[in-house]
């Protein structure tokens, strides 16, 4: 019985570590775009700021869920259209 408990504990631990890694990787893509493009540091990427990143600019309207003309970190991290957001892209397959 002890072996089975240890096995499930290890299995659960591996799953938890993987989930954390996926969440951090997803947040890292959005955070790095915010750090790079949010010049005025208002926690939004405006269309004017997005001009510096062609791939993001190309999908700006599709990423902007609430259509306010600004991208938030949440919108960036949850969209499969965000450049290099492999986590969101993988979940859509």
PDB file of N, CA and C in Angstrom:
ATOM      1  N   UNK A   1       0.825  -1.201   0.000  1.00  0.00           N
ATOM      2  CA  UNK A   1       0.000   0.000   0.000  1.00  0.00           C
ATOM      3  C   UNK A   1       0.863   1.256   0.000  1.00  0.00           C
ATOM      4  N   UNK A   2       1.941   1.229   0.726  1.00  0.00           N
ATOM      5  CA  UNK A   2       2.817   2.398   0.799  1.00  0.00           C
ATOM      6  C   UNK A   2       3.389   2.753  -0.575  1.00  0.00           C
ATOM      7  N   UNK A   3       3.730   1.732  -1.360  1.00  0.00           N
ATOM      8  CA  UNK A   3       4.275   1.977  -2.693  1.00  0.00           C
ATOM      9  C   UNK A   3       3.260   2.692  -3.572  1.00  0.00           C
ATOM     10  N   UNK A   4       2.027   2.264  -3.485  1.00  0.00           N
ATOM     11  CA  UNK A   4       0.975   2.877  -4.287  1.00  0.00           C
ATOM     12  C   UNK A   4       0.757   4.335  -3.876  1.00  0.00           C
ATOM     13  N   UNK A   5       0.792   4.609  -2.596  1.00  0.00           N
ATOM     14  CA  UNK A   5       0.655   5.980  -2.111  1.00  0.00           C
ATOM     15  C   UNK A   5       1.810   6.855  -2.594  1.00  0.00           C
ATOM     16  N   UNK A   6       3.018   6.317  -2.522  1.00  0.00           N
ATOM     17  CA  UNK A   6       4.183   7.066  -2.998  1.00  0.00           C
ATOM     18  C   UNK A   6       4.090   7.330  -4.495  1.00  0.00           C
ATOM     19  N   UNK A   7       3.643   6.330  -5.237  1.00  0.00           N
ATOM     20  CA  UNK A   7       3.494   6.489  -6.687  1.00  0.00           C
ATOM     21  C   UNK A   7       2.521   7.624  -7.011  1.00  0.00           C
ATOM     22  N   UNK A   8       1.371   7.616  -6.374  1.00  0.00           N
ATOM     23  CA  UNK A   8       0.382   8.668  -6.632  1.00  0.00           C
ATOM     24  C   UNK A   8       0.852  10.035  -6.152  1.00  0.00           C
ATOM     25  N   UNK A   9       1.601  10.062  -5.083  1.00  0.00           N
ATOM     26  CA  UNK A   9       2.161  11.324  -4.610  1.00  0.00           C
ATOM     27  C   UNK A   9       3.152  11.892  -5.621  1.00  0.00           C
ATOM     28  N   UNK A  10       4.012  11.040  -6.151  1.00  0.00           N
ATOM     29  CA  UNK A  10       4.974  11.468  -7.170  1.00  0.00           C
ATOM     30  C   UNK A  10       4.233  11.899  -8.435  1.00  0.00           C
ATOM     31  N   UNK A  11       3.242  11.123  -8.833  1.00  0.00           N
ATOM     32  CA  UNK A  11       2.459  11.451 -10.023  1.00  0.00           C
ATOM     33  C   UNK A  11       1.760  12.806  -9.868  1.00  0.00           C
ATOM     34  N   UNK A  12       1.159  13.032  -8.721  1.00  0.00           N
ATOM     35  CA  UNK A  12       0.494  14.299  -8.437  1.00  0.00           C
ATOM     36  C   UNK A  12       1.494  15.455  -8.445  1.00  0.00           C
ATOM     37  N   UNK A  13       2.650  15.237  -7.865  1.00  0.00           N
ATOM     38  CA  UNK A  13       3.687  16.273  -7.825  1.00  0.00           C
ATOM     39  C   UNK A  13       4.150  16.643  -9.218  1.00  0.00           C
ATOM     40  N   UNK A  14       4.378  15.660 -10.052  1.00  0.00           N
ATOM     41  CA  UNK A  14       4.799  15.912 -11.438  1.00  0.00           C
ATOM     42  C   UNK A  14       3.719  16.693 -12.180  1.00  0.00           C
ATOM     43  N   UNK A  15       2.467  16.307 -12.006  1.00  0.00           N
ATOM     44  CA  UNK A  15       1.367  17.016 -12.658  1.00  0.00           C
ATOM     45  C   UNK A  15       1.275  18.459 -12.178  1.00  0.00           C
ATOM     46  N   UNK A  16       1.465  18.685 -10.897  1.00  0.00           N
ATOM     47  CA  UNK A  16       1.405  20.041 -10.348  1.00  0.00           C
ATOM     48  C   UNK A  16       2.548  20.902 -10.876  1.00  0.00           C
ATOM     49  N   UNK A  17       3.737  20.340 -10.932  1.00  0.00           N
ATOM     50  CA  UNK A  17       4.895  21.084 -11.450  1.00  0.00           C
ATOM     51  C   UNK A  17       4.689  21.428 -12.917  1.00  0.00           C
ATOM     52  N   UNK A  18       4.143  20.482 -13.671  1.00  0.00           N
ATOM     53  CA  UNK A  18       3.877  20.738 -15.086  1.00  0.00           C
ATOM     54  C   UNK A  18       2.843  21.850 -15.259  1.00  0.00           C
ATOM     55  N   UNK A  19       1.796  21.834 -14.462  1.00  0.00           N
ATOM     56  CA  UNK A  19       0.766  22.868 -14.547  1.00  0.00           C
ATOM     57  C   UNK A  19       1.341  24.240 -14.218  1.00  0.00           C
ATOM     58  N   UNK A  20       2.194  24.311 -13.237  1.00  0.00           N
ATOM     59  CA  UNK A  20       2.834  25.579 -12.873  1.00  0.00           C
ATOM     60  C   UNK A  20       3.740  26.060 -13.993  1.00  0.00           C
ATOM     61  N   UNK A  21       4.495  25.148 -14.589  1.00  0.00           N
ATOM     62  CA  UNK A  21       5.389  25.521 -15.681  1.00  0.00           C
ATOM     63  C   UNK A  21       4.614  26.047 -16.873  1.00  0.00           C
ATOM     64  N   UNK A  22       3.492  25.421 -17.184  1.00  0.00           N
ATOM     65  CA  UNK A  22       2.656  25.874 -18.297  1.00  0.00           C
ATOM     66  C   UNK A  22       2.107  27.261 -18.008  1.00  0.00           C
ATOM     67  N   UNK A  23       1.631  27.489 -16.802  1.00  0.00           N
ATOM     68  CA  UNK A  23       1.093  28.800 -16.435  1.00  0.00           C
ATOM     69  C   UNK A  23       2.171  29.879 -16.491  1.00  0.00           C
ATOM     70  N   UNK A  24       3.361  29.563 -16.009  1.00  0.00           N
ATOM     71  CA  UNK A  24       4.449  30.541 -16.036  1.00  0.00           C
ATOM     72  C   UNK A  24       4.897  30.843 -17.461  1.00  0.00           C
ATOM     73  N   UNK A  25       4.973  29.827 -18.294  1.00  0.00           N
ATOM     74  CA  UNK A  25       5.376  30.040 -19.688  1.00  0.00           C
ATOM     75  C   UNK A  25       4.363  30.912 -20.403  1.00  0.00           C
ATOM     76  N   UNK A  26       3.088  30.671 -20.151  1.00  0.00           N
ATOM     77  CA  UNK A  26       2.035  31.465 -20.768  1.00  0.00           C
ATOM     78  C   UNK A  26       2.111  32.913 -20.303  1.00  0.00           C
ATOM     79  N   UNK A  27       2.306  33.122 -19.021  1.00  0.00           N
ATOM     80  CA  UNK A  27       2.400  34.468 -18.477  1.00  0.00           C
ATOM     81  C   UNK A  27       3.657  35.164 -18.968  1.00  0.00           C
ATOM     82  N   UNK A  28       4.711  34.422 -19.169  1.00  0.00           N
ATOM     83  CA  UNK A  28       5.973  35.003 -19.602  1.00  0.00           C
ATOM     84  C   UNK A  28       5.862  35.631 -20.982  1.00  0.00           C
ATOM     85  N   UNK A  29       5.156  34.986 -21.899  1.00  0.00           N
ATOM     86  CA  UNK A  29       4.981  35.534 -23.242  1.00  0.00           C
ATOM     87  C   UNK A  29       4.242  36.872 -23.157  1.00  0.00           C
ATOM     88  N   UNK A  30       3.139  36.887 -22.445  1.00  0.00           N
ATOM     89  CA  UNK A  30       2.353  38.111 -22.315  1.00  0.00           C
ATOM     90  C   UNK A  30       3.147  39.196 -21.585  1.00  0.00           C
ATOM     91  N   UNK A  31       3.820  38.812 -20.511  1.00  0.00           N
ATOM     92  CA  UNK A  31       4.592  39.782 -19.735  1.00  0.00           C
ATOM     93  C   UNK A  31       5.741  40.351 -20.553  1.00  0.00           C
ATOM     94  N   UNK A  32       6.406  39.517 -21.337  1.00  0.00           N
ATOM     95  CA  UNK A  32       7.521  40.032 -22.130  1.00  0.00           C
ATOM     96  C   UNK A  32       7.035  40.995 -23.206  1.00  0.00           C
ATOM     97  N   UNK A  33       5.871  40.730 -23.784  1.00  0.00           N
ATOM     98  CA  UNK A  33       5.303  41.677 -24.752  1.00  0.00           C
ATOM     99  C   UNK A  33       4.931  42.989 -24.071  1.00  0.00           C
ATOM    100  N   UNK A  34       4.367  42.894 -22.866  1.00  0.00           N
ATOM    101  CA  UNK A  34       4.026  44.112 -22.126  1.00  0.00           C
ATOM    102  C   UNK A  34       5.291  44.911 -21.810  1.00  0.00           C
ATOM    103  N   UNK A  35       6.331  44.221 -21.351  1.00  0.00           N
ATOM    104  CA  UNK A  35       7.588  44.899 -21.013  1.00  0.00           C
ATOM    105  C   UNK A  35       8.201  45.567 -22.236  1.00  0.00           C
ATOM    106  N   UNK A  36       8.121  44.893 -23.363  1.00  0.00           N
ATOM    107  CA  UNK A  36       8.736  45.400 -24.592  1.00  0.00           C
ATOM    108  C   UNK A  36       7.955  46.549 -25.218  1.00  0.00           C
ATOM    109  N   UNK A  37       6.628  46.458 -25.212  1.00  0.00           N
ATOM    110  CA  UNK A  37       5.819  47.380 -26.014  1.00  0.00           C
ATOM    111  C   UNK A  37       5.073  48.458 -25.232  1.00  0.00           C
ATOM    112  N   UNK A  38       4.812  48.241 -23.965  1.00  0.00           N
ATOM    113  CA  UNK A  38       4.053  49.222 -23.181  1.00  0.00           C
ATOM    114  C   UNK A  38       4.972  50.375 -22.775  1.00  0.00           C
ATOM    115  N   UNK A  39       5.220  51.254 -23.715  1.00  0.00           N
ATOM    116  CA  UNK A  39       6.184  52.340 -23.530  1.00  0.00           C
ATOM    117  C   UNK A  39       5.753  53.303 -22.426  1.00  0.00           C
ATOM    118  N   UNK A  40       4.481  53.655 -22.392  1.00  0.00           N
ATOM    119  CA  UNK A  40       4.015  54.624 -21.395  1.00  0.00           C
ATOM    120  C   UNK A  40       3.642  53.977 -20.056  1.00  0.00           C
ATOM    121  N   UNK A  41       3.838  52.659 -19.940  1.00  0.00           N
ATOM    122  CA  UNK A  41       3.633  51.915 -18.701  1.00  0.00           C
ATOM    123  C   UNK A  41       2.251  52.122 -18.078  1.00  0.00           C
ATOM    124  N   UNK A  42       1.213  52.066 -18.918  1.00  0.00           N
ATOM    125  CA  UNK A  42      -0.154  52.176 -18.419  1.00  0.00           C
ATOM    126  C   UNK A  42      -0.842  50.814 -18.315  1.00  0.00           C
ATOM    127  N   UNK A  43      -0.059  49.746 -18.453  1.00  0.00           N
ATOM    128  CA  UNK A  43      -0.544  48.368 -18.381  1.00  0.00           C
ATOM    129  C   UNK A  43      -1.452  47.973 -19.545  1.00  0.00           C
ATOM    130  N   UNK A  44      -1.335  48.687 -20.644  1.00  0.00           N
ATOM    131  CA  UNK A  44      -2.034  48.365 -21.884  1.00  0.00           C
ATOM    132  C   UNK A  44      -1.064  48.516 -23.040  1.00  0.00           C
ATOM    133  N   UNK A  45      -1.296  47.753 -24.098  1.00  0.00           N
ATOM    134  CA  UNK A  45      -0.583  47.982 -25.347  1.00  0.00           C
ATOM    135  C   UNK A  45      -1.592  48.584 -26.302  1.00  0.00           C
ATOM    136  N   UNK A  46      -1.364  49.823 -26.656  1.00  0.00           N
ATOM    137  CA  UNK A  46      -2.256  50.505 -27.588  1.00  0.00           C
ATOM    138  C   UNK A  46      -1.880  50.118 -29.011  1.00  0.00           C
ATOM    139  N   UNK A  47      -2.718  50.483 -29.948  1.00  0.00           N
ATOM    140  CA  UNK A  47      -2.429  50.230 -31.358  1.00  0.00           C
ATOM    141  C   UNK A  47      -1.152  50.951 -31.770  1.00  0.00           C
ATOM    142  N   UNK A  48      -0.967  52.151 -31.255  1.00  0.00           N
ATOM    143  CA  UNK A  48       0.242  52.928 -31.546  1.00  0.00           C
ATOM    144  C   UNK A  48       1.496  52.217 -31.044  1.00  0.00           C
ATOM    145  N   UNK A  49       1.409  51.595 -29.869  1.00  0.00           N
ATOM    146  CA  UNK A  49       2.551  50.871 -29.315  1.00  0.00           C
ATOM    147  C   UNK A  49       2.778  49.543 -30.045  1.00  0.00           C
ATOM    148  N   UNK A  50       1.697  48.924 -30.515  1.00  0.00           N
ATOM    149  CA  UNK A  50       1.791  47.627 -31.191  1.00  0.00           C
ATOM    150  C   UNK A  50       2.451  47.721 -32.559  1.00  0.00           C
ATOM    151  N   UNK A  51       2.543  48.918 -33.109  1.00  0.00           N
ATOM    152  CA  UNK A  51       3.151  49.108 -34.427  1.00  0.00           C
ATOM    153  C   UNK A  51       4.586  48.590 -34.455  1.00  0.00           C
ATOM    154  N   UNK A  52       5.237  48.568 -33.315  1.00  0.00           N
ATOM    155  CA  UNK A  52       6.625  48.105 -33.232  1.00  0.00           C
ATOM    156  C   UNK A  52       6.756  46.588 -33.340  1.00  0.00           C
ATOM    157  N   UNK A  53       5.633  45.858 -33.330  1.00  0.00           N
ATOM    158  CA  UNK A  53       5.663  44.398 -33.399  1.00  0.00           C
ATOM    159  C   UNK A  53       4.666  43.959 -34.481  1.00  0.00           C
ATOM    160  N   UNK A  54       5.176  43.692 -35.685  1.00  0.00           N
ATOM    161  CA  UNK A  54       4.328  43.446 -36.858  1.00  0.00           C
ATOM    162  C   UNK A  54       3.357  42.284 -36.645  1.00  0.00           C
ATOM    163  N   UNK A  55       3.827  41.185 -36.092  1.00  0.00           N
ATOM    164  CA  UNK A  55       2.957  40.018 -35.911  1.00  0.00           C
ATOM    165  C   UNK A  55       1.834  40.309 -34.916  1.00  0.00           C
ATOM    166  N   UNK A  56       2.138  41.028 -33.856  1.00  0.00           N
ATOM    167  CA  UNK A  56       1.100  41.411 -32.898  1.00  0.00           C
ATOM    168  C   UNK A  56       0.126  42.389 -33.545  1.00  0.00           C
ATOM    169  N   UNK A  57       0.655  43.329 -34.295  1.00  0.00           N
ATOM    170  CA  UNK A  57      -0.186  44.316 -34.974  1.00  0.00           C
ATOM    171  C   UNK A  57      -1.153  43.636 -35.939  1.00  0.00           C
ATOM    172  N   UNK A  58      -0.674  42.621 -36.631  1.00  0.00           N
ATOM    173  CA  UNK A  58      -1.489  41.897 -37.605  1.00  0.00           C
ATOM    174  C   UNK A  58      -2.716  41.264 -36.943  1.00  0.00           C
ATOM    175  N   UNK A  59      -2.583  40.816 -35.701  1.00  0.00           N
ATOM    176  CA  UNK A  59      -3.684  40.141 -35.000  1.00  0.00           C
ATOM    177  C   UNK A  59      -4.313  40.987 -33.899  1.00  0.00           C
ATOM    178  N   UNK A  60      -3.988  42.261 -33.859  1.00  0.00           N
ATOM    179  CA  UNK A  60      -4.421  43.137 -32.772  1.00  0.00           C
ATOM    180  C   UNK A  60      -5.933  43.060 -32.531  1.00  0.00           C
ATOM    181  N   UNK A  61      -6.713  43.225 -33.581  1.00  0.00           N
ATOM    182  CA  UNK A  61      -8.174  43.219 -33.443  1.00  0.00           C
ATOM    183  C   UNK A  61      -8.730  41.886 -32.981  1.00  0.00           C
ATOM    184  N   UNK A  62      -8.049  40.791 -33.319  1.00  0.00           N
ATOM    185  CA  UNK A  62      -8.505  39.466 -32.908  1.00  0.00           C
ATOM    186  C   UNK A  62      -8.145  39.165 -31.458  1.00  0.00           C
ATOM    187  N   UNK A  63      -7.068  39.745 -30.982  1.00  0.00           N
ATOM    188  CA  UNK A  63      -6.648  39.549 -29.593  1.00  0.00           C
ATOM    189  C   UNK A  63      -7.444  40.444 -28.650  1.00  0.00           C
ATOM    190  N   UNK A  64      -7.835  41.620 -29.116  1.00  0.00           N
ATOM    191  CA  UNK A  64      -8.555  42.610 -28.309  1.00  0.00           C
ATOM    192  C   UNK A  64     -10.004  42.164 -28.083  1.00  0.00           C
ATOM    193  N   UNK A  65     -10.218  41.316 -27.076  1.00  0.00           N
ATOM    194  CA  UNK A  65     -11.526  40.713 -26.814  1.00  0.00           C
ATOM    195  C   UNK A  65     -12.633  41.735 -26.582  1.00  0.00           C
ATOM    196  N   UNK A  66     -12.369  42.747 -25.791  1.00  0.00           N
ATOM    197  CA  UNK A  66     -13.413  43.714 -25.455  1.00  0.00           C
ATOM    198  C   UNK A  66     -13.471  44.893 -26.424  1.00  0.00           C
ATOM    199  N   UNK A  67     -12.642  44.844 -27.459  1.00  0.00           N
ATOM    200  CA  UNK A  67     -12.640  45.837 -28.535  1.00  0.00           C
ATOM    201  C   UNK A  67     -12.526  47.269 -28.026  1.00  0.00           C
ATOM    202  N   UNK A  68     -11.637  47.474 -27.050  1.00  0.00           N
ATOM    203  CA  UNK A  68     -11.433  48.821 -26.524  1.00  0.00           C
ATOM    204  C   UNK A  68     -10.214  49.508 -27.137  1.00  0.00           C
ATOM    205  N   UNK A  69      -9.558  48.832 -28.078  1.00  0.00           N
ATOM    206  CA  UNK A  69      -8.398  49.427 -28.732  1.00  0.00           C
ATOM    207  C   UNK A  69      -7.116  49.305 -27.938  1.00  0.00           C
ATOM    208  N   UNK A  70      -7.151  48.494 -26.866  1.00  0.00           N
ATOM    209  CA  UNK A  70      -5.974  48.283 -26.016  1.00  0.00           C
ATOM    210  C   UNK A  70      -5.895  46.804 -25.675  1.00  0.00           C
ATOM    211  N   UNK A  71      -4.659  46.301 -25.572  1.00  0.00           N
ATOM    212  CA  UNK A  71      -4.447  44.912 -25.171  1.00  0.00           C
ATOM    213  C   UNK A  71      -3.953  44.853 -23.739  1.00  0.00           C
ATOM    214  N   UNK A  72      -4.586  44.005 -22.953  1.00  0.00           N
ATOM    215  CA  UNK A  72      -4.134  43.788 -21.579  1.00  0.00           C
ATOM    216  C   UNK A  72      -3.296  42.516 -21.539  1.00  0.00           C
ATOM    217  N   UNK A  73      -2.615  42.324 -20.447  1.00  0.00           N
ATOM    218  CA  UNK A  73      -1.826  41.106 -20.271  1.00  0.00           C
ATOM    219  C   UNK A  73      -2.729  39.873 -20.284  1.00  0.00           C
ATOM    220  N   UNK A  74      -3.914  40.001 -19.749  1.00  0.00           N
ATOM    221  CA  UNK A  74      -4.864  38.880 -19.739  1.00  0.00           C
ATOM    222  C   UNK A  74      -5.290  38.530 -21.158  1.00  0.00           C
ATOM    223  N   UNK A  75      -5.589  39.539 -21.969  1.00  0.00           N
ATOM    224  CA  UNK A  75      -5.963  39.280 -23.357  1.00  0.00           C
ATOM    225  C   UNK A  75      -4.810  38.618 -24.116  1.00  0.00           C
ATOM    226  N   UNK A  76      -3.599  39.092 -23.873  1.00  0.00           N
ATOM    227  CA  UNK A  76      -2.431  38.514 -24.538  1.00  0.00           C
ATOM    228  C   UNK A  76      -2.207  37.065 -24.129  1.00  0.00           C
ATOM    229  N   UNK A  77      -2.335  36.778 -22.849  1.00  0.00           N
ATOM    230  CA  UNK A  77      -2.044  35.421 -22.375  1.00  0.00           C
ATOM    231  C   UNK A  77      -3.138  34.427 -22.748  1.00  0.00           C
ATOM    232  N   UNK A  78      -4.354  34.891 -22.954  1.00  0.00           N
ATOM    233  CA  UNK A  78      -5.445  33.960 -23.241  1.00  0.00           C
ATOM    234  C   UNK A  78      -5.703  33.753 -24.727  1.00  0.00           C
ATOM    235  N   UNK A  79      -5.087  34.545 -25.579  1.00  0.00           N
ATOM    236  CA  UNK A  79      -5.356  34.440 -27.009  1.00  0.00           C
ATOM    237  C   UNK A  79      -4.372  33.519 -27.716  1.00  0.00           C
ATOM    238  N   UNK A  80      -4.905  32.655 -28.551  1.00  0.00           N
ATOM    239  CA  UNK A  80      -4.036  31.803 -29.363  1.00  0.00           C
ATOM    240  C   UNK A  80      -3.395  32.591 -30.503  1.00  0.00           C
ATOM    241  N   UNK A  81      -3.841  33.801 -30.725  1.00  0.00           N
ATOM    242  CA  UNK A  81      -3.292  34.658 -31.776  1.00  0.00           C
ATOM    243  C   UNK A  81      -2.087  35.480 -31.315  1.00  0.00           C
ATOM    244  N   UNK A  82      -1.797  35.465 -30.019  1.00  0.00           N
ATOM    245  CA  UNK A  82      -0.639  36.189 -29.501  1.00  0.00           C
ATOM    246  C   UNK A  82       0.633  35.529 -30.018  1.00  0.00           C
ATOM    247  N   UNK A  83       1.528  36.287 -30.612  1.00  0.00           N
ATOM    248  CA  UNK A  83       2.772  35.708 -31.128  1.00  0.00           C
ATOM    249  C   UNK A  83       3.549  34.950 -30.053  1.00  0.00           C
ATOM    250  N   UNK A  84       4.026  33.779 -30.420  1.00  0.00           N
ATOM    251  CA  UNK A  84       4.835  32.918 -29.548  1.00  0.00           C
ATOM    252  C   UNK A  84       4.081  32.392 -28.334  1.00  0.00           C
ATOM    253  N   UNK A  85       2.781  32.484 -28.326  1.00  0.00           N
ATOM    254  CA  UNK A  85       1.992  31.969 -27.207  1.00  0.00           C
ATOM    255  C   UNK A  85       1.702  30.493 -27.472  1.00  0.00           C
ATOM    256  N   UNK A  86       2.720  29.669 -27.366  1.00  0.00           N
ATOM    257  CA  UNK A  86       2.603  28.253 -27.705  1.00  0.00           C
ATOM    258  C   UNK A  86       1.634  27.515 -26.791  1.00  0.00           C
ATOM    259  N   UNK A  87       1.440  27.990 -25.589  1.00  0.00           N
ATOM    260  CA  UNK A  87       0.533  27.319 -24.654  1.00  0.00           C
ATOM    261  C   UNK A  87      -0.897  27.449 -25.153  1.00  0.00           C
ATOM    262  N   UNK A  88      -1.307  28.654 -25.513  1.00  0.00           N
ATOM    263  CA  UNK A  88      -2.666  28.854 -26.025  1.00  0.00           C
ATOM    264  C   UNK A  88      -2.840  28.136 -27.362  1.00  0.00           C
ATOM    265  N   UNK A  89      -1.795  28.126 -28.195  1.00  0.00           N
ATOM    266  CA  UNK A  89      -1.870  27.452 -29.484  1.00  0.00           C
ATOM    267  C   UNK A  89      -2.001  25.950 -29.299  1.00  0.00           C
ATOM    268  N   UNK A  90      -1.266  25.394 -28.342  1.00  0.00           N
ATOM    269  CA  UNK A  90      -1.316  23.953 -28.101  1.00  0.00           C
ATOM    270  C   UNK A  90      -2.682  23.536 -27.574  1.00  0.00           C
ATOM    271  N   UNK A  91      -3.306  24.363 -26.765  1.00  0.00           N
ATOM    272  CA  UNK A  91      -4.610  24.002 -26.216  1.00  0.00           C
ATOM    273  C   UNK A  91      -5.718  24.069 -27.251  1.00  0.00           C
ATOM    274  N   UNK A  92      -5.489  24.763 -28.358  1.00  0.00           N
ATOM    275  CA  UNK A  92      -6.516  24.850 -29.393  1.00  0.00           C
ATOM    276  C   UNK A  92      -6.440  23.692 -30.373  1.00  0.00           C
ATOM    277  N   UNK A  93      -5.368  22.891 -30.306  1.00  0.00           N
ATOM    278  CA  UNK A  93      -5.220  21.744 -31.223  1.00  0.00           C
ATOM    279  C   UNK A  93      -5.978  20.544 -30.753  1.00  0.00           C
TER     280      UNK A  93
END
